[in-house]
Amino acid sequence: MAAAAAASALTLFVVTFAGLEGFCFVIPLVDFEVRRHAMFVRAEKNVNELNLFGELMKKESKTLLEKAALAEKDMIRGETELK
């Protein structure tokens, strides 16, 4: 009877210790996943912002090229006015 109680106590101790140790490993893994997801979200936001900036630069450069072409035509024709 004492041997059975000792075995039960030992089994309970091992299961509890393994459970606590497993729990201690789960928390850092979950924290790591949360941090990794946050880093991914920030990176995705930065990429989207960079793409938007690139599109704005393309539009602006196209506009500037058109204005430069019109200014060149005006200079060639001599139709510019001094202001």
C-alpha atoms as a PDB file:
ATOM      1  CA  MET A   1       0.000   0.000   0.000  1.00  0.00           C
ATOM      2  CA  ALA A   2       2.826   2.393   0.841  1.00  0.00           C
ATOM      3  CA  ALA A   3       4.574   1.454  -2.396  1.00  0.00           C
ATOM      4  CA  ALA A   4       1.440   2.267  -4.389  1.00  0.00           C
ATOM      5  CA  ALA A   5       1.110   5.629  -2.645  1.00  0.00           C
ATOM      6  CA  ALA A   6       4.765   6.399  -3.272  1.00  0.00           C
ATOM      7  CA  ALA A   7       4.408   5.413  -6.928  1.00  0.00           C
ATOM      8  CA  SER A   8       1.312   7.595  -7.262  1.00  0.00           C
ATOM      9  CA  ALA A   9       3.094  10.523  -5.631  1.00  0.00           C
ATOM     10  CA  LEU A  10       6.110  10.047  -7.890  1.00  0.00           C
ATOM     11  CA  THR A  11       3.906   9.831 -10.981  1.00  0.00           C
ATOM     12  CA  LEU A  12       1.992  12.939  -9.957  1.00  0.00           C
ATOM     13  CA  PHE A  13       5.267  14.804  -9.360  1.00  0.00           C
ATOM     14  CA  VAL A  14       6.686  13.806 -12.768  1.00  0.00           C
ATOM     15  CA  VAL A  15       3.485  14.707 -14.609  1.00  0.00           C
ATOM     16  CA  THR A  16       3.218  18.037 -12.793  1.00  0.00           C
ATOM     17  CA  PHE A  17       6.877  18.908 -13.368  1.00  0.00           C
ATOM     18  CA  ALA A  18       6.687  17.951 -17.043  1.00  0.00           C
ATOM     19  CA  GLY A  19       3.501  19.970 -17.357  1.00  0.00           C
ATOM     20  CA  LEU A  20       5.063  23.032 -15.762  1.00  0.00           C
ATOM     21  CA  GLU A  21       8.191  22.712 -17.843  1.00  0.00           C
ATOM     22  CA  GLY A  22       6.109  22.351 -20.973  1.00  0.00           C
ATOM     23  CA  PHE A  23       4.095  25.377 -19.939  1.00  0.00           C
ATOM     24  CA  CYS A  24       7.298  27.362 -19.412  1.00  0.00           C
ATOM     25  CA  PHE A  25       8.367  26.516 -22.963  1.00  0.00           C
ATOM     26  CA  VAL A  26       4.988  27.362 -24.468  1.00  0.00           C
ATOM     27  CA  ILE A  27       4.936  30.947 -23.174  1.00  0.00           C
ATOM     28  CA  PRO A  28       8.211  31.998 -24.886  1.00  0.00           C
ATOM     29  CA  LEU A  29       7.116  30.285 -28.111  1.00  0.00           C
ATOM     30  CA  VAL A  30       3.824  32.158 -28.090  1.00  0.00           C
ATOM     31  CA  ASP A  31       5.658  35.401 -27.312  1.00  0.00           C
ATOM     32  CA  PHE A  32       8.067  34.685 -30.173  1.00  0.00           C
ATOM     33  CA  GLU A  33       5.144  34.099 -32.549  1.00  0.00           C
ATOM     34  CA  VAL A  34       3.519  37.370 -31.468  1.00  0.00           C
ATOM     35  CA  ARG A  35       6.761  39.298 -31.965  1.00  0.00           C
ATOM     36  CA  ARG A  36       7.356  37.625 -35.324  1.00  0.00           C
ATOM     37  CA  HIS A  37       3.835  38.500 -36.453  1.00  0.00           C
ATOM     38  CA  ALA A  38       4.294  42.112 -35.304  1.00  0.00           C
ATOM     39  CA  MET A  39       7.564  42.325 -37.246  1.00  0.00           C
ATOM     40  CA  PHE A  40       5.825  40.909 -40.320  1.00  0.00           C
ATOM     41  CA  VAL A  41       2.995  43.450 -40.042  1.00  0.00           C
ATOM     42  CA  ARG A  42       5.495  46.322 -39.704  1.00  0.00           C
ATOM     43  CA  ALA A  43       7.494  45.060 -42.687  1.00  0.00           C
ATOM     44  CA  GLU A  44       4.343  44.713 -44.770  1.00  0.00           C
ATOM     45  CA  LYS A  45       3.297  48.264 -43.845  1.00  0.00           C
ATOM     46  CA  ASN A  46       6.743  49.579 -44.813  1.00  0.00           C
ATOM     47  CA  VAL A  47       6.630  47.755 -48.156  1.00  0.00           C
ATOM     48  CA  ASN A  48       3.182  49.166 -48.916  1.00  0.00           C
ATOM     49  CA  GLU A  49       4.384  52.655 -47.997  1.00  0.00           C
ATOM     50  CA  LEU A  50       7.443  52.226 -50.214  1.00  0.00           C
ATOM     51  CA  ASN A  51       5.263  51.067 -53.129  1.00  0.00           C
ATOM     52  CA  LEU A  52       3.000  54.090 -52.678  1.00  0.00           C
ATOM     53  CA  PHE A  53       6.024  56.393 -52.596  1.00  0.00           C
ATOM     54  CA  GLY A  54       7.351  54.757 -55.773  1.00  0.00           C
ATOM     55  CA  GLU A  55       4.041  55.287 -57.572  1.00  0.00           C
ATOM     56  CA  LEU A  56       3.963  58.946 -56.505  1.00  0.00           C
ATOM     57  CA  MET A  57       7.526  59.416 -57.761  1.00  0.00           C
ATOM     58  CA  LYS A  58       6.598  57.865 -61.129  1.00  0.00           C
ATOM     59  CA  LYS A  59       3.633  60.225 -61.513  1.00  0.00           C
ATOM     60  CA  GLU A  60       5.700  63.237 -60.487  1.00  0.00           C
ATOM     61  CA  SER A  61       8.544  62.369 -62.857  1.00  0.00           C
ATOM     62  CA  LYS A  62       6.078  61.865 -65.718  1.00  0.00           C
ATOM     63  CA  THR A  63       4.565  65.286 -65.022  1.00  0.00           C
ATOM     64  CA  LEU A  64       8.000  66.905 -64.858  1.00  0.00           C
ATOM     65  CA  LEU A  65       9.047  65.282 -68.137  1.00  0.00           C
ATOM     66  CA  GLU A  66       5.897  66.581 -69.827  1.00  0.00           C
ATOM     67  CA  LYS A  67       6.522  70.091 -68.475  1.00  0.00           C
ATOM     68  CA  ALA A  68      10.151  69.941 -69.616  1.00  0.00           C
ATOM     69  CA  ALA A  69       9.078  68.854 -73.097  1.00  0.00           C
ATOM     70  CA  LEU A  70       6.581  71.722 -73.325  1.00  0.00           C
ATOM     71  CA  ALA A  71       9.193  74.198 -72.086  1.00  0.00           C
ATOM     72  CA  GLU A  72      11.663  72.931 -74.672  1.00  0.00           C
ATOM     73  CA  LYS A  73       9.097  73.377 -77.451  1.00  0.00           C
ATOM     74  CA  ASP A  74       8.370  76.914 -76.242  1.00  0.00           C
ATOM     75  CA  MET A  75      12.074  77.746 -76.189  1.00  0.00           C
ATOM     76  CA  ILE A  76      12.561  76.407 -79.707  1.00  0.00           C
ATOM     77  CA  ARG A  77       9.615  78.398 -81.037  1.00  0.00           C
ATOM     78  CA  GLY A  78      10.566  81.476 -79.041  1.00  0.00           C
ATOM     79  CA  GLU A  79       7.098  81.817 -77.592  1.00  0.00           C
ATOM     80  CA  THR A  80       8.081  82.288 -73.974  1.00  0.00           C
ATOM     81  CA  GLU A  81       7.084  85.397 -72.125  1.00  0.00           C
ATOM     82  CA  LEU A  82       9.195  87.065 -69.472  1.00  0.00           C
ATOM     83  CA  LYS A  83       7.334  87.654 -66.256  1.00  0.00           C
END
